[in-house]
Amino acid sequence: MNRRLYFVLPDVQSAERTLDDLLLARVEVRRIHCLARRDIDLGKLPEATFLQKTDTVHGAESGMAIGGLAGVIGGAVALFFPPAGASLQLVTLLVTGFIGAVFGMWVASMVGTAVPNSKLARFWDDIDRGKILMMVDVPFIRSREVTELVARRHPEALAGGVEPSIPAFP
């Protein structure tokens, strides 16, 4: 299980030095992601992915739950008050729940693509002021080591906290 560490750095040069130290500490470059204002050129820094910048994943999760619930409720209404001449079975609840979950996931993820990532809300003020947010995904057992490395070598870096669990896929 991985943890995501957040660091707020004052500028691109500081972020590049931090990146170099993380690479020397054998943190893979694919596990490091940087986010800045749109007008700031990140240079060689690995940019955050689309899914990390937007609320697509959170939207899909919420949409699936709400859509599934709405589908089950709709299926229950159809089951208890069937259309004239229709004989509905209990499987109607499963089908309408599944269809509602898929539809809700699709719609909410489309909305989420236009919304900034809600998990990063506490960093938006710093990013708007021109600072760089560095997200580092490390195994649980290395999280303290990496945090201490950044604190020791880069006192200008502000530790922004830890996200408890990150899935194994990127």
N, C-alpha and C. Protein backbone atom coordinates (compact mmCIF):
# COMPACT_ATOMS: atom_id res chain seq x y z
N MET A 1 0.85 -1.18 0.00
CA MET A 1 0.00 0.00 0.00
C MET A 1 0.89 1.23 0.00
N ASN A 2 0.55 2.17 -0.83
CA ASN A 2 1.32 3.41 -0.95
C ASN A 2 0.66 4.54 -0.20
N ARG A 3 1.45 5.51 0.15
CA ARG A 3 0.97 6.75 0.74
C ARG A 3 1.38 7.89 -0.17
N ARG A 4 0.53 8.89 -0.24
CA ARG A 4 0.86 10.08 -1.03
C ARG A 4 1.29 11.19 -0.07
N LEU A 5 2.51 11.66 -0.27
CA LEU A 5 3.06 12.75 0.52
C LEU A 5 2.92 14.04 -0.28
N TYR A 6 2.55 15.11 0.38
CA TYR A 6 2.40 16.41 -0.28
C TYR A 6 3.45 17.37 0.25
N PHE A 7 4.10 18.09 -0.68
CA PHE A 7 5.06 19.11 -0.33
C PHE A 7 4.76 20.36 -1.16
N VAL A 8 4.78 21.51 -0.51
CA VAL A 8 4.59 22.78 -1.21
C VAL A 8 5.95 23.45 -1.28
N LEU A 9 6.39 23.72 -2.51
CA LEU A 9 7.70 24.31 -2.75
C LEU A 9 7.55 25.72 -3.31
N PRO A 10 8.48 26.61 -2.98
CA PRO A 10 8.29 28.02 -3.36
C PRO A 10 8.42 28.31 -4.85
N ASP A 11 9.22 27.52 -5.58
CA ASP A 11 9.41 27.81 -7.01
C ASP A 11 9.89 26.56 -7.75
N VAL A 12 10.03 26.70 -9.06
CA VAL A 12 10.41 25.56 -9.91
C VAL A 12 11.82 25.08 -9.59
N GLN A 13 12.74 26.00 -9.34
CA GLN A 13 14.12 25.61 -9.06
C GLN A 13 14.19 24.75 -7.79
N SER A 14 13.49 25.16 -6.76
CA SER A 14 13.45 24.38 -5.53
C SER A 14 12.82 23.01 -5.78
N ALA A 15 11.77 22.97 -6.58
CA ALA A 15 11.12 21.70 -6.90
C ALA A 15 12.05 20.80 -7.69
N GLU A 16 12.86 21.38 -8.59
CA GLU A 16 13.81 20.57 -9.36
C GLU A 16 14.88 19.98 -8.46
N ARG A 17 15.37 20.76 -7.51
CA ARG A 17 16.37 20.23 -6.56
C ARG A 17 15.76 19.13 -5.69
N THR A 18 14.53 19.31 -5.28
CA THR A 18 13.85 18.29 -4.49
C THR A 18 13.65 17.02 -5.31
N LEU A 19 13.28 17.20 -6.57
CA LEU A 19 13.13 16.05 -7.48
C LEU A 19 14.43 15.29 -7.58
N ASP A 20 15.54 16.00 -7.77
CA ASP A 20 16.85 15.34 -7.88
C ASP A 20 17.17 14.52 -6.63
N ASP A 21 16.89 15.09 -5.45
CA ASP A 21 17.15 14.36 -4.21
C ASP A 21 16.25 13.14 -4.06
N LEU A 22 15.02 13.27 -4.49
CA LEU A 22 14.11 12.12 -4.42
C LEU A 22 14.56 11.01 -5.37
N LEU A 23 15.02 11.40 -6.55
CA LEU A 23 15.51 10.39 -7.49
C LEU A 23 16.76 9.70 -6.94
N LEU A 24 17.66 10.47 -6.30
CA LEU A 24 18.85 9.87 -5.69
C LEU A 24 18.47 8.94 -4.54
N ALA A 25 17.33 9.19 -3.90
CA ALA A 25 16.84 8.33 -2.82
C ALA A 25 16.05 7.14 -3.38
N ARG A 26 16.11 6.97 -4.68
CA ARG A 26 15.47 5.84 -5.38
C ARG A 26 13.94 5.87 -5.33
N VAL A 27 13.38 7.07 -5.40
CA VAL A 27 11.94 7.20 -5.61
C VAL A 27 11.76 7.30 -7.12
N GLU A 28 10.95 6.44 -7.69
CA GLU A 28 10.77 6.42 -9.14
C GLU A 28 10.11 7.71 -9.63
N VAL A 29 10.55 8.19 -10.78
CA VAL A 29 10.02 9.44 -11.31
C VAL A 29 8.53 9.32 -11.62
N ARG A 30 8.06 8.12 -11.93
CA ARG A 30 6.63 7.94 -12.22
C ARG A 30 5.77 8.04 -10.98
N ARG A 31 6.39 8.11 -9.80
CA ARG A 31 5.68 8.24 -8.53
C ARG A 31 5.70 9.68 -8.01
N ILE A 32 6.24 10.59 -8.81
CA ILE A 32 6.34 11.99 -8.41
C ILE A 32 5.53 12.82 -9.40
N HIS A 33 4.67 13.70 -8.87
CA HIS A 33 3.79 14.51 -9.72
C HIS A 33 3.78 15.93 -9.19
N CYS A 34 3.88 16.89 -10.09
CA CYS A 34 3.90 18.30 -9.70
C CYS A 34 2.72 19.04 -10.31
N LEU A 35 2.23 20.00 -9.55
CA LEU A 35 1.09 20.80 -9.99
C LEU A 35 1.41 22.26 -9.72
N ALA A 36 1.16 23.10 -10.72
CA ALA A 36 1.42 24.53 -10.59
C ALA A 36 0.35 25.29 -11.37
N ARG A 37 0.39 26.60 -11.23
CA ARG A 37 -0.49 27.45 -12.03
C ARG A 37 -0.24 27.20 -13.50
N ARG A 38 -1.23 27.41 -14.32
CA ARG A 38 -1.11 27.12 -15.75
C ARG A 38 -0.01 27.92 -16.44
N ASP A 39 0.25 29.12 -15.96
CA ASP A 39 1.24 29.96 -16.63
C ASP A 39 2.68 29.67 -16.20
N ILE A 40 2.88 28.72 -15.30
CA ILE A 40 4.22 28.37 -14.83
C ILE A 40 4.72 27.16 -15.61
N ASP A 41 5.90 27.31 -16.22
CA ASP A 41 6.51 26.22 -16.97
C ASP A 41 7.23 25.31 -15.98
N LEU A 42 6.83 24.06 -15.93
CA LEU A 42 7.42 23.11 -14.99
C LEU A 42 8.75 22.56 -15.46
N GLY A 43 9.13 22.81 -16.69
CA GLY A 43 10.42 22.33 -17.18
C GLY A 43 10.50 20.82 -17.15
N LYS A 44 11.52 20.30 -16.44
CA LYS A 44 11.73 18.85 -16.38
C LYS A 44 10.90 18.16 -15.30
N LEU A 45 10.14 18.92 -14.53
CA LEU A 45 9.34 18.33 -13.47
C LEU A 45 8.20 17.49 -14.06
N PRO A 46 7.93 16.32 -13.48
CA PRO A 46 6.82 15.48 -13.97
C PRO A 46 5.48 16.10 -13.58
N GLU A 47 4.68 16.41 -14.58
CA GLU A 47 3.40 17.08 -14.34
C GLU A 47 2.35 16.10 -13.83
N ALA A 48 1.46 16.60 -12.99
CA ALA A 48 0.35 15.79 -12.48
C ALA A 48 -0.54 15.35 -13.64
N THR A 49 -1.12 14.18 -13.52
CA THR A 49 -1.99 13.66 -14.57
C THR A 49 -3.36 14.33 -14.54
N PHE A 50 -4.11 14.12 -15.58
CA PHE A 50 -5.46 14.66 -15.68
C PHE A 50 -6.33 14.20 -14.52
N LEU A 51 -6.21 12.93 -14.14
CA LEU A 51 -7.02 12.39 -13.04
C LEU A 51 -6.60 12.98 -11.70
N GLN A 52 -5.34 13.38 -11.56
CA GLN A 52 -4.90 14.00 -10.31
C GLN A 52 -5.31 15.46 -10.23
N LYS A 53 -5.49 16.10 -11.37
CA LYS A 53 -5.86 17.52 -11.39
C LYS A 53 -7.36 17.74 -11.23
N THR A 54 -8.15 16.79 -11.67
CA THR A 54 -9.60 16.97 -11.69
C THR A 54 -10.28 16.04 -10.69
N ASP A 55 -11.56 16.24 -10.51
CA ASP A 55 -12.36 15.43 -9.59
C ASP A 55 -13.08 14.30 -10.31
N THR A 56 -12.50 13.80 -11.38
CA THR A 56 -13.14 12.75 -12.18
C THR A 56 -13.39 11.48 -11.37
N VAL A 57 -12.39 11.03 -10.65
CA VAL A 57 -12.52 9.78 -9.88
C VAL A 57 -13.54 9.94 -8.76
N HIS A 58 -13.46 11.03 -8.01
CA HIS A 58 -14.42 11.28 -6.94
C HIS A 58 -15.83 11.38 -7.50
N GLY A 59 -15.96 12.07 -8.63
CA GLY A 59 -17.27 12.19 -9.27
C GLY A 59 -17.83 10.84 -9.70
N ALA A 60 -16.96 10.00 -10.28
CA ALA A 60 -17.42 8.68 -10.71
C ALA A 60 -17.87 7.83 -9.53
N GLU A 61 -17.11 7.90 -8.43
CA GLU A 61 -17.49 7.12 -7.24
C GLU A 61 -18.83 7.60 -6.68
N SER A 62 -18.98 8.91 -6.57
CA SER A 62 -20.24 9.46 -6.04
C SER A 62 -21.40 9.16 -6.98
N GLY A 63 -21.17 9.33 -8.27
CA GLY A 63 -22.22 9.08 -9.26
C GLY A 63 -22.66 7.63 -9.28
N MET A 64 -21.71 6.71 -9.10
CA MET A 64 -22.07 5.30 -9.09
C MET A 64 -22.96 4.99 -7.88
N ALA A 65 -22.62 5.53 -6.73
CA ALA A 65 -23.41 5.28 -5.52
C ALA A 65 -24.81 5.89 -5.64
N ILE A 66 -24.87 7.14 -6.04
CA ILE A 66 -26.16 7.82 -6.14
C ILE A 66 -27.00 7.23 -7.27
N GLY A 67 -26.37 6.97 -8.41
CA GLY A 67 -27.09 6.38 -9.55
C GLY A 67 -27.59 4.98 -9.24
N GLY A 68 -26.78 4.19 -8.55
CA GLY A 68 -27.21 2.84 -8.17
C GLY A 68 -28.40 2.87 -7.22
N LEU A 69 -28.34 3.77 -6.25
CA LEU A 69 -29.45 3.92 -5.31
C LEU A 69 -30.71 4.40 -6.04
N ALA A 70 -30.56 5.38 -6.92
CA ALA A 70 -31.71 5.87 -7.68
C ALA A 70 -32.29 4.76 -8.58
N GLY A 71 -31.41 3.96 -9.16
CA GLY A 71 -31.87 2.85 -9.99
C GLY A 71 -32.64 1.81 -9.20
N VAL A 72 -32.17 1.48 -8.01
CA VAL A 72 -32.87 0.51 -7.15
C VAL A 72 -34.22 1.07 -6.72
N ILE A 73 -34.25 2.35 -6.35
CA ILE A 73 -35.53 2.97 -5.97
C ILE A 73 -36.49 2.97 -7.16
N GLY A 74 -35.98 3.33 -8.34
CA GLY A 74 -36.83 3.30 -9.54
C GLY A 74 -37.32 1.90 -9.85
N GLY A 75 -36.44 0.91 -9.68
CA GLY A 75 -36.84 -0.48 -9.90
C GLY A 75 -37.88 -0.94 -8.89
N ALA A 76 -37.75 -0.49 -7.64
CA ALA A 76 -38.74 -0.86 -6.62
C ALA A 76 -40.10 -0.26 -6.93
N VAL A 77 -40.10 0.99 -7.38
CA VAL A 77 -41.36 1.63 -7.77
C VAL A 77 -42.00 0.86 -8.93
N ALA A 78 -41.19 0.50 -9.91
CA ALA A 78 -41.72 -0.25 -11.06
C ALA A 78 -42.19 -1.64 -10.64
N LEU A 79 -41.52 -2.23 -9.66
CA LEU A 79 -41.90 -3.57 -9.20
C LEU A 79 -43.22 -3.54 -8.43
N PHE A 80 -43.40 -2.53 -7.58
CA PHE A 80 -44.62 -2.44 -6.79
C PHE A 80 -45.79 -1.84 -7.55
N PHE A 81 -45.51 -1.03 -8.54
CA PHE A 81 -46.56 -0.43 -9.38
C PHE A 81 -46.23 -0.70 -10.84
N PRO A 82 -46.35 -1.95 -11.26
CA PRO A 82 -45.93 -2.31 -12.62
C PRO A 82 -46.83 -1.66 -13.68
N PRO A 83 -46.26 -1.40 -14.85
CA PRO A 83 -47.08 -0.89 -15.95
C PRO A 83 -48.17 -1.91 -16.30
N ALA A 84 -49.22 -1.42 -16.86
CA ALA A 84 -50.36 -2.29 -17.19
C ALA A 84 -49.90 -3.45 -18.07
N GLY A 85 -50.25 -4.64 -17.66
CA GLY A 85 -49.96 -5.83 -18.46
C GLY A 85 -48.55 -6.37 -18.28
N ALA A 86 -47.70 -5.73 -17.48
CA ALA A 86 -46.32 -6.20 -17.31
C ALA A 86 -46.20 -7.02 -16.03
N SER A 87 -45.43 -8.07 -16.12
CA SER A 87 -45.16 -8.90 -14.95
C SER A 87 -43.66 -8.82 -14.67
N LEU A 88 -43.30 -8.00 -13.70
CA LEU A 88 -41.88 -7.77 -13.39
C LEU A 88 -41.41 -8.72 -12.31
N GLN A 89 -40.16 -9.11 -12.38
CA GLN A 89 -39.55 -10.01 -11.42
C GLN A 89 -38.61 -9.22 -10.50
N LEU A 90 -38.12 -9.87 -9.47
CA LEU A 90 -37.22 -9.24 -8.52
C LEU A 90 -35.89 -8.82 -9.18
N VAL A 91 -35.53 -9.48 -10.26
CA VAL A 91 -34.31 -9.13 -10.98
C VAL A 91 -34.37 -7.70 -11.54
N THR A 92 -35.56 -7.14 -11.60
CA THR A 92 -35.74 -5.76 -12.05
C THR A 92 -34.92 -4.81 -11.18
N LEU A 93 -34.87 -5.08 -9.88
CA LEU A 93 -34.08 -4.24 -8.97
C LEU A 93 -32.60 -4.28 -9.33
N LEU A 94 -32.09 -5.46 -9.64
CA LEU A 94 -30.68 -5.59 -10.01
C LEU A 94 -30.38 -4.86 -11.31
N VAL A 95 -31.23 -5.05 -12.29
CA VAL A 95 -31.01 -4.43 -13.60
C VAL A 95 -31.09 -2.91 -13.50
N THR A 96 -32.12 -2.40 -12.85
CA THR A 96 -32.25 -0.94 -12.75
C THR A 96 -31.15 -0.35 -11.87
N GLY A 97 -30.75 -1.07 -10.84
CA GLY A 97 -29.64 -0.61 -10.00
C GLY A 97 -28.34 -0.54 -10.78
N PHE A 98 -28.07 -1.57 -11.59
CA PHE A 98 -26.86 -1.59 -12.41
C PHE A 98 -26.88 -0.47 -13.45
N ILE A 99 -28.00 -0.33 -14.14
CA ILE A 99 -28.11 0.72 -15.16
C ILE A 99 -27.97 2.10 -14.51
N GLY A 100 -28.60 2.29 -13.36
CA GLY A 100 -28.48 3.57 -12.65
C GLY A 100 -27.05 3.85 -12.21
N ALA A 101 -26.34 2.83 -11.73
CA ALA A 101 -24.95 3.00 -11.30
C ALA A 101 -24.05 3.38 -12.47
N VAL A 102 -24.21 2.69 -13.58
CA VAL A 102 -23.38 2.99 -14.76
C VAL A 102 -23.69 4.39 -15.30
N PHE A 103 -24.97 4.71 -15.40
CA PHE A 103 -25.34 6.04 -15.90
C PHE A 103 -24.86 7.14 -14.94
N GLY A 104 -25.06 6.93 -13.64
CA GLY A 104 -24.61 7.92 -12.65
C GLY A 104 -23.10 8.10 -12.68
N MET A 105 -22.36 7.00 -12.81
CA MET A 105 -20.92 7.07 -12.88
C MET A 105 -20.47 7.86 -14.11
N TRP A 106 -21.08 7.60 -15.23
CA TRP A 106 -20.73 8.29 -16.48
C TRP A 106 -21.00 9.78 -16.38
N VAL A 107 -22.20 10.14 -15.94
CA VAL A 107 -22.58 11.56 -15.87
C VAL A 107 -21.71 12.30 -14.86
N ALA A 108 -21.55 11.74 -13.67
CA ALA A 108 -20.79 12.43 -12.63
C ALA A 108 -19.31 12.53 -12.97
N SER A 109 -18.76 11.53 -13.66
CA SER A 109 -17.35 11.63 -14.05
C SER A 109 -17.17 12.69 -15.13
N MET A 110 -18.15 12.87 -15.99
CA MET A 110 -18.07 13.94 -16.99
C MET A 110 -18.11 15.30 -16.31
N VAL A 111 -18.92 15.45 -15.30
CA VAL A 111 -18.97 16.70 -14.53
C VAL A 111 -17.64 16.89 -13.80
N GLY A 112 -17.10 15.81 -13.25
CA GLY A 112 -15.85 15.88 -12.49
C GLY A 112 -14.66 16.32 -13.31
N THR A 113 -14.71 16.13 -14.62
CA THR A 113 -13.59 16.57 -15.46
C THR A 113 -13.45 18.08 -15.50
N ALA A 114 -14.51 18.80 -15.17
CA ALA A 114 -14.48 20.26 -15.19
C ALA A 114 -14.25 20.87 -13.81
N VAL A 115 -14.10 20.02 -12.80
CA VAL A 115 -13.98 20.50 -11.43
C VAL A 115 -12.57 20.16 -10.91
N PRO A 116 -11.88 21.11 -10.27
CA PRO A 116 -10.57 20.79 -9.69
C PRO A 116 -10.69 19.72 -8.60
N ASN A 117 -9.63 18.97 -8.42
CA ASN A 117 -9.61 17.88 -7.45
C ASN A 117 -9.91 18.40 -6.04
N SER A 118 -10.96 17.88 -5.43
CA SER A 118 -11.37 18.34 -4.10
C SER A 118 -10.37 17.96 -3.02
N LYS A 119 -9.56 16.92 -3.24
CA LYS A 119 -8.55 16.53 -2.26
C LYS A 119 -7.41 17.55 -2.19
N LEU A 120 -7.28 18.36 -3.23
CA LEU A 120 -6.21 19.35 -3.28
C LEU A 120 -6.68 20.75 -2.91
N ALA A 121 -7.90 20.87 -2.41
CA ALA A 121 -8.48 22.19 -2.12
C ALA A 121 -7.62 23.00 -1.15
N ARG A 122 -7.00 22.34 -0.19
CA ARG A 122 -6.19 23.07 0.79
C ARG A 122 -4.92 23.66 0.18
N PHE A 123 -4.55 23.23 -1.03
CA PHE A 123 -3.34 23.73 -1.68
C PHE A 123 -3.60 24.80 -2.73
N TRP A 124 -4.85 25.05 -3.09
CA TRP A 124 -5.14 25.95 -4.21
C TRP A 124 -4.63 27.37 -3.98
N ASP A 125 -4.71 27.87 -2.74
CA ASP A 125 -4.20 29.22 -2.46
C ASP A 125 -2.70 29.31 -2.73
N ASP A 126 -1.95 28.31 -2.27
CA ASP A 126 -0.51 28.30 -2.51
C ASP A 126 -0.20 28.20 -4.01
N ILE A 127 -0.93 27.35 -4.71
CA ILE A 127 -0.71 27.20 -6.15
C ILE A 127 -1.03 28.51 -6.87
N ASP A 128 -2.10 29.17 -6.48
CA ASP A 128 -2.46 30.46 -7.08
C ASP A 128 -1.39 31.52 -6.84
N ARG A 129 -0.65 31.41 -5.73
CA ARG A 129 0.42 32.36 -5.43
C ARG A 129 1.72 32.01 -6.15
N GLY A 130 1.71 30.95 -6.97
CA GLY A 130 2.90 30.61 -7.76
C GLY A 130 3.76 29.51 -7.18
N LYS A 131 3.30 28.89 -6.11
CA LYS A 131 4.08 27.80 -5.52
C LYS A 131 3.81 26.50 -6.28
N ILE A 132 4.67 25.52 -6.04
CA ILE A 132 4.58 24.22 -6.71
C ILE A 132 4.15 23.17 -5.69
N LEU A 133 3.14 22.40 -6.05
CA LEU A 133 2.72 21.27 -5.22
C LEU A 133 3.37 20.01 -5.78
N MET A 134 4.11 19.32 -4.92
CA MET A 134 4.74 18.06 -5.33
C MET A 134 4.06 16.93 -4.57
N MET A 135 3.56 15.96 -5.32
CA MET A 135 2.91 14.78 -4.74
C MET A 135 3.84 13.60 -4.97
N VAL A 136 4.18 12.89 -3.91
CA VAL A 136 5.12 11.78 -4.00
C VAL A 136 4.43 10.54 -3.44
N ASP A 137 4.32 9.51 -4.27
CA ASP A 137 3.71 8.25 -3.86
C ASP A 137 4.82 7.29 -3.46
N VAL A 138 4.84 6.89 -2.20
CA VAL A 138 5.87 5.99 -1.71
C VAL A 138 5.22 4.86 -0.92
N PRO A 139 5.90 3.71 -0.82
CA PRO A 139 5.38 2.64 0.03
C PRO A 139 5.28 3.13 1.48
N PHE A 140 4.33 2.58 2.19
CA PHE A 140 4.08 2.96 3.58
C PHE A 140 5.36 2.97 4.40
N ILE A 141 6.20 1.97 4.23
CA ILE A 141 7.41 1.84 5.06
C ILE A 141 8.45 2.92 4.75
N ARG A 142 8.34 3.60 3.60
CA ARG A 142 9.31 4.64 3.24
C ARG A 142 8.77 6.05 3.47
N SER A 143 7.54 6.20 3.91
CA SER A 143 6.96 7.53 4.01
C SER A 143 7.71 8.41 5.00
N ARG A 144 8.08 7.89 6.14
CA ARG A 144 8.83 8.69 7.13
C ARG A 144 10.21 9.05 6.59
N GLU A 145 10.88 8.10 5.96
CA GLU A 145 12.22 8.34 5.41
C GLU A 145 12.19 9.47 4.38
N VAL A 146 11.23 9.44 3.47
CA VAL A 146 11.15 10.45 2.43
C VAL A 146 10.77 11.81 3.03
N THR A 147 9.85 11.82 3.97
CA THR A 147 9.46 13.08 4.61
C THR A 147 10.65 13.71 5.32
N GLU A 148 11.42 12.90 6.04
CA GLU A 148 12.59 13.41 6.74
C GLU A 148 13.67 13.89 5.78
N LEU A 149 13.84 13.19 4.66
CA LEU A 149 14.81 13.60 3.65
C LEU A 149 14.47 14.99 3.11
N VAL A 150 13.21 15.18 2.74
CA VAL A 150 12.80 16.47 2.19
C VAL A 150 12.93 17.55 3.26
N ALA A 151 12.55 17.27 4.49
CA ALA A 151 12.65 18.27 5.56
C ALA A 151 14.12 18.64 5.84
N ARG A 152 15.00 17.66 5.79
CA ARG A 152 16.41 17.90 6.08
C ARG A 152 17.11 18.65 4.94
N ARG A 153 16.87 18.23 3.72
CA ARG A 153 17.58 18.81 2.57
C ARG A 153 16.92 20.06 2.01
N HIS A 154 15.62 20.25 2.30
CA HIS A 154 14.88 21.37 1.72
C HIS A 154 14.01 22.03 2.78
N PRO A 155 14.60 22.86 3.62
CA PRO A 155 13.81 23.51 4.66
C PRO A 155 12.75 24.46 4.11
N GLU A 156 12.91 24.87 2.86
CA GLU A 156 11.91 25.76 2.24
C GLU A 156 10.63 25.02 1.87
N ALA A 157 10.69 23.69 1.85
CA ALA A 157 9.52 22.88 1.50
C ALA A 157 8.59 22.75 2.70
N LEU A 158 7.33 23.02 2.47
CA LEU A 158 6.33 22.87 3.53
C LEU A 158 5.66 21.51 3.36
N ALA A 159 5.70 20.69 4.40
CA ALA A 159 5.02 19.40 4.35
C ALA A 159 3.53 19.67 4.37
N GLY A 160 2.82 19.12 3.37
CA GLY A 160 1.40 19.38 3.24
C GLY A 160 0.52 18.25 3.71
N GLY A 161 1.12 17.25 4.35
CA GLY A 161 0.33 16.15 4.86
C GLY A 161 0.50 14.88 4.07
N VAL A 162 -0.27 13.88 4.47
CA VAL A 162 -0.18 12.54 3.90
C VAL A 162 -1.58 12.07 3.58
N GLU A 163 -1.72 11.50 2.40
CA GLU A 163 -2.98 10.82 2.06
C GLU A 163 -2.77 9.36 2.41
N PRO A 164 -3.64 8.79 3.23
CA PRO A 164 -3.36 7.48 3.82
C PRO A 164 -3.16 6.32 2.85
N SER A 165 -3.93 6.24 1.80
CA SER A 165 -3.74 5.08 0.93
C SER A 165 -3.99 5.48 -0.52
N ILE A 166 -3.08 5.02 -1.35
CA ILE A 166 -3.14 5.26 -2.78
C ILE A 166 -3.17 3.90 -3.45
N PRO A 167 -4.06 3.68 -4.43
CA PRO A 167 -4.08 2.39 -5.10
C PRO A 167 -2.76 2.10 -5.82
N ALA A 168 -2.49 0.84 -6.04
CA ALA A 168 -1.23 0.45 -6.67
C ALA A 168 -1.12 0.94 -8.10
N PHE A 169 -2.23 1.07 -8.81
CA PHE A 169 -2.15 1.54 -10.19
C PHE A 169 -2.01 3.06 -10.19
N PRO A 170 -1.38 3.63 -11.25
CA PRO A 170 -1.13 5.07 -11.28
C PRO A 170 -2.34 5.93 -11.40
